[in-house]
Amino acid sequence: MVINITDNARHQIEEMMKEEDTETVRLRFGVKGGGCSGLSYSLGFDYDVNEELDYTEESNGIPLTIKKFDIDVIEGTTIDFKQNMMGGGFTIDNPNAIVSCGCGSSFKAKEREGTPENC
């Protein structure tokens, strides 16, 4: 399994998916250039899968799509959802990140530099 989704994250994703066409929607997780460390996470819903470019799996009951190109920098990542007094949000624990920004959404990986920007 490339990505691990905790029970807390699964519950939150399932709630969010209720507003989507649940027959065909998938969670898309990936990486894009940017953020103060060079790479940023991308997390959202998608309905399309490109068999040549995308890898699909199910993690904790959630259908997931990942660009094959991103697997080397996110393999083993855990997506969680934490609730606190200020609200809640997804957290990402990536064992491939050699540097992470304080914001928690930007990182640097040994395998890919990215393009750092101002926070």
PDB file of N, CA and C in Angstrom:
ATOM      1  N   MET A   1       0.834  -1.175   0.000  1.00  0.00           N
ATOM      2  CA  MET A   1       0.000   0.000   0.000  1.00  0.00           C
ATOM      3  C   MET A   1       0.885   1.247   0.000  1.00  0.00           C
ATOM      4  N   VAL A   2       0.591   2.181  -0.876  1.00  0.00           N
ATOM      5  CA  VAL A   2       1.401   3.388  -1.001  1.00  0.00           C
ATOM      6  C   VAL A   2       1.043   4.406   0.077  1.00  0.00           C
ATOM      7  N   ILE A   3      -0.254   4.617   0.310  1.00  0.00           N
ATOM      8  CA  ILE A   3      -0.731   5.630   1.255  1.00  0.00           C
ATOM      9  C   ILE A   3      -1.576   4.958   2.342  1.00  0.00           C
ATOM     10  N   ASN A   4      -1.398   5.410   3.578  1.00  0.00           N
ATOM     11  CA  ASN A   4      -2.209   4.938   4.693  1.00  0.00           C
ATOM     12  C   ASN A   4      -3.168   6.055   5.105  1.00  0.00           C
ATOM     13  N   ILE A   5      -4.445   5.729   5.212  1.00  0.00           N
ATOM     14  CA  ILE A   5      -5.446   6.691   5.668  1.00  0.00           C
ATOM     15  C   ILE A   5      -5.962   6.203   7.020  1.00  0.00           C
ATOM     16  N   THR A   6      -5.817   7.043   8.042  1.00  0.00           N
ATOM     17  CA  THR A   6      -6.255   6.656   9.380  1.00  0.00           C
ATOM     18  C   THR A   6      -7.785   6.640   9.447  1.00  0.00           C
ATOM     19  N   ASP A   7      -8.298   6.068  10.531  1.00  0.00           N
ATOM     20  CA  ASP A   7      -9.748   6.042  10.725  1.00  0.00           C
ATOM     21  C   ASP A   7     -10.331   7.450  10.828  1.00  0.00           C
ATOM     22  N   ASN A   8      -9.642   8.360  11.522  1.00  0.00           N
ATOM     23  CA  ASN A   8     -10.126   9.745  11.633  1.00  0.00           C
ATOM     24  C   ASN A   8     -10.197  10.413  10.261  1.00  0.00           C
ATOM     25  N   ALA A   9      -9.172  10.219   9.449  1.00  0.00           N
ATOM     26  CA  ALA A   9      -9.170  10.803   8.109  1.00  0.00           C
ATOM     27  C   ALA A   9     -10.246  10.152   7.245  1.00  0.00           C
ATOM     28  N   ARG A  10     -10.398   8.838   7.359  1.00  0.00           N
ATOM     29  CA  ARG A  10     -11.428   8.141   6.577  1.00  0.00           C
ATOM     30  C   ARG A  10     -12.808   8.698   6.881  1.00  0.00           C
ATOM     31  N   HIS A  11     -13.090   8.883   8.159  1.00  0.00           N
ATOM     32  CA  HIS A  11     -14.402   9.412   8.556  1.00  0.00           C
ATOM     33  C   HIS A  11     -14.630  10.799   7.942  1.00  0.00           C
ATOM     34  N   GLN A  12     -13.628  11.668   8.015  1.00  0.00           N
ATOM     35  CA  GLN A  12     -13.766  13.025   7.466  1.00  0.00           C
ATOM     36  C   GLN A  12     -13.915  12.988   5.944  1.00  0.00           C
ATOM     37  N   ILE A  13     -13.142  12.145   5.278  1.00  0.00           N
ATOM     38  CA  ILE A  13     -13.220  12.025   3.814  1.00  0.00           C
ATOM     39  C   ILE A  13     -14.591  11.492   3.408  1.00  0.00           C
ATOM     40  N   GLU A  14     -15.092  10.502   4.135  1.00  0.00           N
ATOM     41  CA  GLU A  14     -16.421   9.961   3.822  1.00  0.00           C
ATOM     42  C   GLU A  14     -17.505  11.028   3.960  1.00  0.00           C
ATOM     43  N   GLU A  15     -17.393  11.876   4.980  1.00  0.00           N
ATOM     44  CA  GLU A  15     -18.355  12.974   5.147  1.00  0.00           C
ATOM     45  C   GLU A  15     -18.280  13.936   3.964  1.00  0.00           C
ATOM     46  N   MET A  16     -17.089  14.250   3.534  1.00  0.00           N
ATOM     47  CA  MET A  16     -16.901  15.162   2.408  1.00  0.00           C
ATOM     48  C   MET A  16     -17.376  14.528   1.098  1.00  0.00           C
ATOM     49  N   MET A  17     -17.208  13.230   0.964  1.00  0.00           N
ATOM     50  CA  MET A  17     -17.601  12.529  -0.259  1.00  0.00           C
ATOM     51  C   MET A  17     -19.116  12.467  -0.432  1.00  0.00           C
ATOM     52  N   LYS A  18     -19.861  12.649   0.652  1.00  0.00           N
ATOM     53  CA  LYS A  18     -21.323  12.618   0.553  1.00  0.00           C
ATOM     54  C   LYS A  18     -21.849  13.697  -0.385  1.00  0.00           C
ATOM     55  N   GLU A  19     -21.081  14.765  -0.573  1.00  0.00           N
ATOM     56  CA  GLU A  19     -21.490  15.852  -1.452  1.00  0.00           C
ATOM     57  C   GLU A  19     -21.025  15.621  -2.895  1.00  0.00           C
ATOM     58  N   GLU A  20     -20.341  14.531  -3.133  1.00  0.00           N
ATOM     59  CA  GLU A  20     -19.841  14.188  -4.466  1.00  0.00           C
ATOM     60  C   GLU A  20     -20.658  13.022  -5.027  1.00  0.00           C
ATOM     61  N   ASP A  21     -20.428  12.716  -6.294  1.00  0.00           N
ATOM     62  CA  ASP A  21     -21.022  11.529  -6.911  1.00  0.00           C
ATOM     63  C   ASP A  21     -20.226  10.331  -6.412  1.00  0.00           C
ATOM     64  N   THR A  22     -20.707   9.708  -5.352  1.00  0.00           N
ATOM     65  CA  THR A  22     -19.928   8.679  -4.665  1.00  0.00           C
ATOM     66  C   THR A  22     -19.720   7.411  -5.488  1.00  0.00           C
ATOM     67  N   GLU A  23     -20.390   7.280  -6.602  1.00  0.00           N
ATOM     68  CA  GLU A  23     -20.185   6.096  -7.442  1.00  0.00           C
ATOM     69  C   GLU A  23     -18.832   6.136  -8.152  1.00  0.00           C
ATOM     70  N   THR A  24     -18.379   7.338  -8.521  1.00  0.00           N
ATOM     71  CA  THR A  24     -17.165   7.432  -9.336  1.00  0.00           C
ATOM     72  C   THR A  24     -16.071   8.297  -8.729  1.00  0.00           C
ATOM     73  N   VAL A  25     -16.335   8.976  -7.618  1.00  0.00           N
ATOM     74  CA  VAL A  25     -15.336   9.882  -7.056  1.00  0.00           C
ATOM     75  C   VAL A  25     -14.218   9.104  -6.368  1.00  0.00           C
ATOM     76  N   ARG A  26     -13.005   9.647  -6.492  1.00  0.00           N
ATOM     77  CA  ARG A  26     -11.825   9.076  -5.854  1.00  0.00           C
ATOM     78  C   ARG A  26     -11.075  10.216  -5.172  1.00  0.00           C
ATOM     79  N   LEU A  27     -10.380   9.894  -4.106  1.00  0.00           N
ATOM     80  CA  LEU A  27      -9.494  10.861  -3.482  1.00  0.00           C
ATOM     81  C   LEU A  27      -8.212  10.887  -4.297  1.00  0.00           C
ATOM     82  N   ARG A  28      -7.795  12.076  -4.730  1.00  0.00           N
ATOM     83  CA  ARG A  28      -6.532  12.204  -5.458  1.00  0.00           C
ATOM     84  C   ARG A  28      -5.524  12.868  -4.533  1.00  0.00           C
ATOM     85  N   PHE A  29      -4.397  12.174  -4.340  1.00  0.00           N
ATOM     86  CA  PHE A  29      -3.320  12.677  -3.497  1.00  0.00           C
ATOM     87  C   PHE A  29      -2.060  12.756  -4.340  1.00  0.00           C
ATOM     88  N   GLY A  30      -1.343  13.861  -4.210  1.00  0.00           N
ATOM     89  CA  GLY A  30      -0.136  13.995  -5.005  1.00  0.00           C
ATOM     90  C   GLY A  30       0.764  15.105  -4.510  1.00  0.00           C
ATOM     91  N   VAL A  31       1.694  15.461  -5.372  1.00  0.00           N
ATOM     92  CA  VAL A  31       2.714  16.447  -5.070  1.00  0.00           C
ATOM     93  C   VAL A  31       2.785  17.435  -6.221  1.00  0.00           C
ATOM     94  N   LYS A  32       2.997  18.692  -5.870  1.00  0.00           N
ATOM     95  CA  LYS A  32       3.224  19.718  -6.895  1.00  0.00           C
ATOM     96  C   LYS A  32       4.358  20.608  -6.419  1.00  0.00           C
ATOM     97  N   GLY A  33       4.973  21.315  -7.333  1.00  0.00           N
ATOM     98  CA  GLY A  33       6.046  22.232  -6.981  1.00  0.00           C
ATOM     99  C   GLY A  33       5.487  23.426  -6.227  1.00  0.00           C
ATOM    100  N   GLY A  34       6.289  23.960  -5.305  1.00  0.00           N
ATOM    101  CA  GLY A  34       5.877  25.151  -4.567  1.00  0.00           C
ATOM    102  C   GLY A  34       6.021  24.971  -3.081  1.00  0.00           C
ATOM    103  N   GLY A  35       5.532  25.946  -2.351  1.00  0.00           N
ATOM    104  CA  GLY A  35       5.694  25.931  -0.903  1.00  0.00           C
ATOM    105  C   GLY A  35       7.104  26.352  -0.536  1.00  0.00           C
ATOM    106  N   CYS A  36       7.330  26.683   0.709  1.00  0.00           N
ATOM    107  CA  CYS A  36       8.643  27.203   1.110  1.00  0.00           C
ATOM    108  C   CYS A  36       9.747  26.145   1.095  1.00  0.00           C
ATOM    109  N   SER A  37       9.382  24.860   1.074  1.00  0.00           N
ATOM    110  CA  SER A  37      10.404  23.805   1.021  1.00  0.00           C
ATOM    111  C   SER A  37      10.590  23.223  -0.376  1.00  0.00           C
ATOM    112  N   GLY A  38       9.762  23.636  -1.335  1.00  0.00           N
ATOM    113  CA  GLY A  38       9.952  23.190  -2.718  1.00  0.00           C
ATOM    114  C   GLY A  38       8.851  22.316  -3.272  1.00  0.00           C
ATOM    115  N   LEU A  39       8.213  21.521  -2.416  1.00  0.00           N
ATOM    116  CA  LEU A  39       7.120  20.654  -2.848  1.00  0.00           C
ATOM    117  C   LEU A  39       5.932  20.854  -1.918  1.00  0.00           C
ATOM    118  N   SER A  40       4.731  20.768  -2.470  1.00  0.00           N
ATOM    119  CA  SER A  40       3.505  20.874  -1.683  1.00  0.00           C
ATOM    120  C   SER A  40       2.619  19.682  -1.971  1.00  0.00           C
ATOM    121  N   TYR A  41       1.826  19.313  -0.991  1.00  0.00           N
ATOM    122  CA  TYR A  41       0.876  18.220  -1.174  1.00  0.00           C
ATOM    123  C   TYR A  41      -0.370  18.732  -1.872  1.00  0.00           C
ATOM    124  N   SER A  42      -0.962  17.857  -2.645  1.00  0.00           N
ATOM    125  CA  SER A  42      -2.219  18.142  -3.324  1.00  0.00           C
ATOM    126  C   SER A  42      -3.218  17.075  -2.898  1.00  0.00           C
ATOM    127  N   LEU A  43      -4.360  17.502  -2.391  1.00  0.00           N
ATOM    128  CA  LEU A  43      -5.360  16.575  -1.881  1.00  0.00           C
ATOM    129  C   LEU A  43      -6.731  17.084  -2.306  1.00  0.00           C
ATOM    130  N   GLY A  44      -7.478  16.250  -3.013  1.00  0.00           N
ATOM    131  CA  GLY A  44      -8.807  16.653  -3.471  1.00  0.00           C
ATOM    132  C   GLY A  44      -9.534  15.471  -4.075  1.00  0.00           C
ATOM    133  N   PHE A  45     -10.699  15.738  -4.636  1.00  0.00           N
ATOM    134  CA  PHE A  45     -11.486  14.694  -5.270  1.00  0.00           C
ATOM    135  C   PHE A  45     -11.325  14.747  -6.773  1.00  0.00           C
ATOM    136  N   ASP A  46     -11.406  13.594  -7.412  1.00  0.00           N
ATOM    137  CA  ASP A  46     -11.266  13.498  -8.860  1.00  0.00           C
ATOM    138  C   ASP A  46     -12.150  12.359  -9.353  1.00  0.00           C
ATOM    139  N   TYR A  47     -12.597  12.480 -10.588  1.00  0.00           N
ATOM    140  CA  TYR A  47     -13.458  11.460 -11.189  1.00  0.00           C
ATOM    141  C   TYR A  47     -12.751  10.703 -12.312  1.00  0.00           C
ATOM    142  N   ASP A  48     -11.607  11.218 -12.742  1.00  0.00           N
ATOM    143  CA  ASP A  48     -10.920  10.633 -13.891  1.00  0.00           C
ATOM    144  C   ASP A  48      -9.661   9.888 -13.473  1.00  0.00           C
ATOM    145  N   VAL A  49      -9.430   8.766 -14.122  1.00  0.00           N
ATOM    146  CA  VAL A  49      -8.213   7.989 -13.926  1.00  0.00           C
ATOM    147  C   VAL A  49      -7.592   7.768 -15.295  1.00  0.00           C
ATOM    148  N   ASN A  50      -6.315   8.123 -15.425  1.00  0.00           N
ATOM    149  CA  ASN A  50      -5.559   7.870 -16.648  1.00  0.00           C
ATOM    150  C   ASN A  50      -4.716   6.624 -16.389  1.00  0.00           C
ATOM    151  N   GLU A  51      -5.089   5.531 -17.019  1.00  0.00           N
ATOM    152  CA  GLU A  51      -4.429   4.240 -16.762  1.00  0.00           C
ATOM    153  C   GLU A  51      -2.914   4.289 -16.964  1.00  0.00           C
ATOM    154  N   GLU A  52      -2.445   5.134 -17.891  1.00  0.00           N
ATOM    155  CA  GLU A  52      -1.006   5.218 -18.163  1.00  0.00           C
ATOM    156  C   GLU A  52      -0.259   6.011 -17.102  1.00  0.00           C
ATOM    157  N   LEU A  53      -0.900   7.049 -16.561  1.00  0.00           N
ATOM    158  CA  LEU A  53      -0.216   7.957 -15.642  1.00  0.00           C
ATOM    159  C   LEU A  53      -0.555   7.756 -14.170  1.00  0.00           C
ATOM    160  N   ASP A  54      -1.708   7.161 -13.895  1.00  0.00           N
ATOM    161  CA  ASP A  54      -2.201   7.066 -12.524  1.00  0.00           C
ATOM    162  C   ASP A  54      -2.084   5.664 -11.939  1.00  0.00           C
ATOM    163  N   TYR A  55      -1.853   5.632 -10.643  1.00  0.00           N
ATOM    164  CA  TYR A  55      -1.877   4.414  -9.847  1.00  0.00           C
ATOM    165  C   TYR A  55      -3.123   4.511  -8.967  1.00  0.00           C
ATOM    166  N   THR A  56      -3.872   3.421  -8.855  1.00  0.00           N
ATOM    167  CA  THR A  56      -5.059   3.431  -8.010  1.00  0.00           C
ATOM    168  C   THR A  56      -4.957   2.333  -6.965  1.00  0.00           C
ATOM    169  N   GLU A  57      -5.513   2.616  -5.800  1.00  0.00           N
ATOM    170  CA  GLU A  57      -5.596   1.641  -4.732  1.00  0.00           C
ATOM    171  C   GLU A  57      -6.735   2.061  -3.813  1.00  0.00           C
ATOM    172  N   GLU A  58      -7.027   1.216  -2.857  1.00  0.00           N
ATOM    173  CA  GLU A  58      -8.001   1.553  -1.829  1.00  0.00           C
ATOM    174  C   GLU A  58      -7.260   1.533  -0.501  1.00  0.00           C
ATOM    175  N   SER A  59      -7.434   2.592   0.276  1.00  0.00           N
ATOM    176  CA  SER A  59      -6.793   2.672   1.583  1.00  0.00           C
ATOM    177  C   SER A  59      -7.863   2.916   2.637  1.00  0.00           C
ATOM    178  N   ASN A  60      -8.032   1.966   3.529  1.00  0.00           N
ATOM    179  CA  ASN A  60      -9.013   2.048   4.610  1.00  0.00           C
ATOM    180  C   ASN A  60     -10.418   2.341   4.052  1.00  0.00           C
ATOM    181  N   GLY A  61     -10.738   1.732   2.927  1.00  0.00           N
ATOM    182  CA  GLY A  61     -12.055   1.872   2.323  1.00  0.00           C
ATOM    183  C   GLY A  61     -12.231   3.085   1.426  1.00  0.00           C
ATOM    184  N   ILE A  62     -11.200   3.895   1.274  1.00  0.00           N
ATOM    185  CA  ILE A  62     -11.280   5.101   0.443  1.00  0.00           C
ATOM    186  C   ILE A  62     -10.592   4.824  -0.894  1.00  0.00           C
ATOM    187  N   PRO A  63     -11.313   4.986  -2.028  1.00  0.00           N
ATOM    188  CA  PRO A  63     -10.674   4.832  -3.331  1.00  0.00           C
ATOM    189  C   PRO A  63      -9.698   5.994  -3.565  1.00  0.00           C
ATOM    190  N   LEU A  64      -8.490   5.665  -3.967  1.00  0.00           N
ATOM    191  CA  LEU A  64      -7.395   6.630  -4.030  1.00  0.00           C
ATOM    192  C   LEU A  64      -6.716   6.592  -5.393  1.00  0.00           C
ATOM    193  N   THR A  65      -6.360   7.763  -5.912  1.00  0.00           N
ATOM    194  CA  THR A  65      -5.617   7.884  -7.161  1.00  0.00           C
ATOM    195  C   THR A  65      -4.366   8.718  -6.909  1.00  0.00           C
ATOM    196  N   ILE A  66      -3.245   8.245  -7.448  1.00  0.00           N
ATOM    197  CA  ILE A  66      -1.956   8.915  -7.291  1.00  0.00           C
ATOM    198  C   ILE A  66      -1.258   8.893  -8.644  1.00  0.00           C
ATOM    199  N   LYS A  67      -0.619   9.995  -9.027  1.00  0.00           N
ATOM    200  CA  LYS A  67       0.215   9.986 -10.228  1.00  0.00           C
ATOM    201  C   LYS A  67       1.392   9.041  -9.976  1.00  0.00           C
ATOM    202  N   LYS A  68       1.664   8.164 -10.917  1.00  0.00           N
ATOM    203  CA  LYS A  68       2.772   7.215 -10.767  1.00  0.00           C
ATOM    204  C   LYS A  68       4.084   7.939 -10.507  1.00  0.00           C
ATOM    205  N   PHE A  69       4.249   9.117 -11.119  1.00  0.00           N
ATOM    206  CA  PHE A  69       5.463   9.918 -10.973  1.00  0.00           C
ATOM    207  C   PHE A  69       5.697  10.342  -9.514  1.00  0.00           C
ATOM    208  N   ASP A  70       4.630  10.457  -8.727  1.00  0.00           N
ATOM    209  CA  ASP A  70       4.739  10.941  -7.347  1.00  0.00           C
ATOM    210  C   ASP A  70       5.007   9.845  -6.323  1.00  0.00           C
ATOM    211  N   ILE A  71       4.857   8.594  -6.706  1.00  0.00           N
ATOM    212  CA  ILE A  71       4.949   7.496  -5.735  1.00  0.00           C
ATOM    213  C   ILE A  71       6.277   7.500  -4.980  1.00  0.00           C
ATOM    214  N   ASP A  72       7.385   7.765  -5.647  1.00  0.00           N
ATOM    215  CA  ASP A  72       8.682   7.691  -4.968  1.00  0.00           C
ATOM    216  C   ASP A  72       8.828   8.707  -3.843  1.00  0.00           C
ATOM    217  N   VAL A  73       8.128   9.827  -3.884  1.00  0.00           N
ATOM    218  CA  VAL A  73       8.272  10.827  -2.826  1.00  0.00           C
ATOM    219  C   VAL A  73       7.142  10.791  -1.797  1.00  0.00           C
ATOM    220  N   ILE A  74       6.120   9.936  -2.006  1.00  0.00           N
ATOM    221  CA  ILE A  74       5.031   9.864  -1.025  1.00  0.00           C
ATOM    222  C   ILE A  74       4.748   8.457  -0.509  1.00  0.00           C
ATOM    223  N   GLU A  75       5.470   7.466  -1.001  1.00  0.00           N
ATOM    224  CA  GLU A  75       5.215   6.094  -0.555  1.00  0.00           C
ATOM    225  C   GLU A  75       5.407   5.976   0.957  1.00  0.00           C
ATOM    226  N   GLY A  76       4.444   5.349   1.617  1.00  0.00           N
ATOM    227  CA  GLY A  76       4.503   5.171   3.065  1.00  0.00           C
ATOM    228  C   GLY A  76       3.885   6.321   3.849  1.00  0.00           C
ATOM    229  N   THR A  77       3.345   7.315   3.155  1.00  0.00           N
ATOM    230  CA  THR A  77       2.742   8.480   3.805  1.00  0.00           C
ATOM    231  C   THR A  77       1.447   8.097   4.518  1.00  0.00           C
ATOM    232  N   THR A  78       1.226   8.705   5.672  1.00  0.00           N
ATOM    233  CA  THR A  78      -0.019   8.535   6.420  1.00  0.00           C
ATOM    234  C   THR A  78      -0.785   9.850   6.414  1.00  0.00           C
ATOM    235  N   ILE A  79      -2.050   9.766   6.026  1.00  0.00           N
ATOM    236  CA  ILE A  79      -2.943  10.926   6.063  1.00  0.00           C
ATOM    237  C   ILE A  79      -3.849  10.756   7.272  1.00  0.00           C
ATOM    238  N   ASP A  80      -3.874  11.768   8.127  1.00  0.00           N
ATOM    239  CA  ASP A  80      -4.689  11.735   9.343  1.00  0.00           C
ATOM    240  C   ASP A  80      -5.548  13.001   9.379  1.00  0.00           C
ATOM    241  N   PHE A  81      -6.514  13.025  10.266  1.00  0.00           N
ATOM    242  CA  PHE A  81      -7.327  14.219  10.489  1.00  0.00           C
ATOM    243  C   PHE A  81      -7.325  14.486  11.973  1.00  0.00           C
ATOM    244  N   LYS A  82      -6.934  15.703  12.348  1.00  0.00           N
ATOM    245  CA  LYS A  82      -6.856  16.075  13.763  1.00  0.00           C
ATOM    246  C   LYS A  82      -7.827  17.212  14.038  1.00  0.00           C
ATOM    247  N   GLN A  83      -8.525  17.089  15.133  1.00  0.00           N
ATOM    248  CA  GLN A  83      -9.470  18.111  15.580  1.00  0.00           C
ATOM    249  C   GLN A  83      -8.850  18.841  16.760  1.00  0.00           C
ATOM    250  N   ASN A  84      -8.955  20.192  16.780  1.00  0.00           N
ATOM    251  CA  ASN A  84      -8.485  20.952  17.933  1.00  0.00           C
ATOM    252  C   ASN A  84      -9.427  22.130  18.182  1.00  0.00           C
ATOM    253  N   MET A  85      -9.080  22.991  19.084  1.00  0.00           N
ATOM    254  CA  MET A  85      -9.957  24.112  19.436  1.00  0.00           C
ATOM    255  C   MET A  85     -10.163  25.087  18.278  1.00  0.00           C
ATOM    256  N   MET A  86      -9.251  25.127  17.355  1.00  0.00           N
ATOM    257  CA  MET A  86      -9.339  26.037  16.215  1.00  0.00           C
ATOM    258  C   MET A  86     -10.065  25.401  15.032  1.00  0.00           C
ATOM    259  N   GLY A  87     -10.519  24.193  15.187  1.00  0.00           N
ATOM    260  CA  GLY A  87     -11.175  23.473  14.092  1.00  0.00           C
ATOM    261  C   GLY A  87     -10.453  22.166  13.859  1.00  0.00           C
ATOM    262  N   GLY A  88     -10.364  21.777  12.615  1.00  0.00           N
ATOM    263  CA  GLY A  88      -9.698  20.530  12.290  1.00  0.00           C
ATOM    264  C   GLY A  88      -9.020  20.622  10.948  1.00  0.00           C
ATOM    265  N   GLY A  89      -8.173  19.664  10.681  1.00  0.00           N
ATOM    266  CA  GLY A  89      -7.492  19.639   9.399  1.00  0.00           C
ATOM    267  C   GLY A  89      -6.750  18.336   9.197  1.00  0.00           C
ATOM    268  N   PHE A  90      -6.437  18.093   7.942  1.00  0.00           N
ATOM    269  CA  PHE A  90      -5.680  16.898   7.600  1.00  0.00           C
ATOM    270  C   PHE A  90      -4.208  17.124   7.914  1.00  0.00           C
ATOM    271  N   THR A  91      -3.555  16.092   8.408  1.00  0.00           N
ATOM    272  CA  THR A  91      -2.114  16.119   8.620  1.00  0.00           C
ATOM    273  C   THR A  91      -1.494  15.029   7.760  1.00  0.00           C
ATOM    274  N   ILE A  92      -0.279  15.280   7.313  1.00  0.00           N
ATOM    275  CA  ILE A  92       0.400  14.349   6.428  1.00  0.00           C
ATOM    276  C   ILE A  92       1.756  14.016   7.022  1.00  0.00           C
ATOM    277  N   ASP A  93       1.986  12.738   7.262  1.00  0.00           N
ATOM    278  CA  ASP A  93       3.257  12.252   7.803  1.00  0.00           C
ATOM    279  C   ASP A  93       3.950  11.462   6.696  1.00  0.00           C
ATOM    280  N   ASN A  94       4.962  12.079   6.100  1.00  0.00           N
ATOM    281  CA  ASN A  94       5.661  11.503   4.960  1.00  0.00           C
ATOM    282  C   ASN A  94       7.070  11.078   5.371  1.00  0.00           C
ATOM    283  N   PRO A  95       7.362   9.780   5.389  1.00  0.00           N
ATOM    284  CA  PRO A  95       8.700   9.332   5.776  1.00  0.00           C
ATOM    285  C   PRO A  95       9.777   9.689   4.753  1.00  0.00           C
ATOM    286  N   ASN A  96       9.389  10.128   3.558  1.00  0.00           N
ATOM    287  CA  ASN A  96      10.342  10.508   2.521  1.00  0.00           C
ATOM    288  C   ASN A  96      10.734  11.971   2.583  1.00  0.00           C
ATOM    289  N   ALA A  97      10.085  12.750   3.433  1.00  0.00           N
ATOM    290  CA  ALA A  97      10.397  14.172   3.566  1.00  0.00           C
ATOM    291  C   ALA A  97      11.665  14.332   4.391  1.00  0.00           C
ATOM    292  N   ILE A  98      12.665  14.995   3.818  1.00  0.00           N
ATOM    293  CA  ILE A  98      13.898  15.232   4.567  1.00  0.00           C
ATOM    294  C   ILE A  98      13.851  16.590   5.261  1.00  0.00           C
ATOM    295  N   VAL A  99      12.972  17.480   4.775  1.00  0.00           N
ATOM    296  CA  VAL A  99      12.730  18.777   5.397  1.00  0.00           C
ATOM    297  C   VAL A  99      11.235  19.050   5.276  1.00  0.00           C
ATOM    298  N   SER A 100      10.622  19.506   6.345  1.00  0.00           N
ATOM    299  CA  SER A 100       9.212  19.893   6.308  1.00  0.00           C
ATOM    300  C   SER A 100       9.074  21.311   6.819  1.00  0.00           C
ATOM    301  N   CYS A 101       8.159  22.033   6.251  1.00  0.00           N
ATOM    302  CA  CYS A 101       7.893  23.406   6.660  1.00  0.00           C
ATOM    303  C   CYS A 101       6.998  23.395   7.890  1.00  0.00           C
ATOM    304  N   GLY A 102       7.031  24.448   8.651  1.00  0.00           N
ATOM    305  CA  GLY A 102       6.189  24.561   9.834  1.00  0.00           C
ATOM    306  C   GLY A 102       4.708  24.529   9.516  1.00  0.00           C
ATOM    307  N   CYS A 103       4.339  24.911   8.295  1.00  0.00           N
ATOM    308  CA  CYS A 103       2.924  24.903   7.917  1.00  0.00           C
ATOM    309  C   CYS A 103       2.395  23.488   7.737  1.00  0.00           C
ATOM    310  N   GLY A 104       3.284  22.519   7.532  1.00  0.00           N
ATOM    311  CA  GLY A 104       2.880  21.125   7.406  1.00  0.00           C
ATOM    312  C   GLY A 104       2.439  20.708   6.019  1.00  0.00           C
ATOM    313  N   SER A 105       2.406  21.636   5.076  1.00  0.00           N
ATOM    314  CA  SER A 105       1.965  21.267   3.729  1.00  0.00           C
ATOM    315  C   SER A 105       3.083  21.378   2.703  1.00  0.00           C
ATOM    316  N   SER A 106       4.276  21.731   3.131  1.00  0.00           N
ATOM    317  CA  SER A 106       5.403  21.868   2.222  1.00  0.00           C
ATOM    318  C   SER A 106       6.552  20.995   2.720  1.00  0.00           C
ATOM    319  N   PHE A 107       7.273  20.390   1.776  1.00  0.00           N
ATOM    320  CA  PHE A 107       8.374  19.511   2.168  1.00  0.00           C
ATOM    321  C   PHE A 107       9.414  19.443   1.066  1.00  0.00           C
ATOM    322  N   LYS A 108      10.526  18.831   1.397  1.00  0.00           N
ATOM    323  CA  LYS A 108      11.605  18.584   0.445  1.00  0.00           C
ATOM    324  C   LYS A 108      11.931  17.101   0.539  1.00  0.00           C
ATOM    325  N   ALA A 109      12.109  16.464  -0.605  1.00  0.00           N
ATOM    326  CA  ALA A 109      12.441  15.043  -0.647  1.00  0.00           C
ATOM    327  C   ALA A 109      13.793  14.860  -1.318  1.00  0.00           C
ATOM    328  N   LYS A 110      14.495  13.825  -0.919  1.00  0.00           N
ATOM    329  CA  LYS A 110      15.806  13.545  -1.505  1.00  0.00           C
ATOM    330  C   LYS A 110      15.683  13.273  -3.003  1.00  0.00           C
ATOM    331  N   GLU A 111      14.586  12.644  -3.420  1.00  0.00           N
ATOM    332  CA  GLU A 111      14.404  12.237  -4.805  1.00  0.00           C
ATOM    333  C   GLU A 111      13.956  13.370  -5.731  1.00  0.00           C
ATOM    334  N   ARG A 112      13.444  14.489  -5.156  1.00  0.00           N
ATOM    335  CA  ARG A 112      12.932  15.569  -5.995  1.00  0.00           C
ATOM    336  C   ARG A 112      13.074  16.897  -5.264  1.00  0.00           C
ATOM    337  N   GLU A 113      13.663  17.890  -5.923  1.00  0.00           N
ATOM    338  CA  GLU A 113      13.908  19.173  -5.281  1.00  0.00           C
ATOM    339  C   GLU A 113      12.683  20.073  -5.228  1.00  0.00           C
ATOM    340  N   GLY A 114      11.963  20.216  -6.328  1.00  0.00           N
ATOM    341  CA  GLY A 114      10.832  21.124  -6.357  1.00  0.00           C
ATOM    342  C   GLY A 114      11.259  22.547  -6.597  1.00  0.00           C
ATOM    343  N   THR A 115      10.342  23.483  -6.426  1.00  0.00           N
ATOM    344  CA  THR A 115      10.595  24.901  -6.656  1.00  0.00           C
ATOM    345  C   THR A 115      10.111  25.704  -5.450  1.00  0.00           C
ATOM    346  N   PRO A 116      11.019  26.014  -4.515  1.00  0.00           N
ATOM    347  CA  PRO A 116      10.612  26.743  -3.304  1.00  0.00           C
ATOM    348  C   PRO A 116      10.038  28.126  -3.629  1.00  0.00           C
ATOM    349  N   GLU A 117       9.034  28.522  -2.819  1.00  0.00           N
ATOM    350  CA  GLU A 117       8.415  29.835  -2.916  1.00  0.00           C
ATOM    351  C   GLU A 117       8.311  30.403  -1.518  1.00  0.00           C
ATOM    352  N   ASN A 118       7.913  31.658  -1.403  1.00  0.00           N
ATOM    353  CA  ASN A 118       7.675  32.249  -0.092  1.00  0.00           C
ATOM    354  C   ASN A 118       6.417  31.680   0.520  1.00  0.00           C
ATOM    355  N   CYS A 119       6.431  31.520   1.846  1.00  0.00           N
ATOM    356  CA  CYS A 119       5.222  31.050   2.558  1.00  0.00           C
ATOM    357  C   CYS A 119       4.208  32.161   2.651  1.00  0.00           C
TER     358      CYS A 119
END
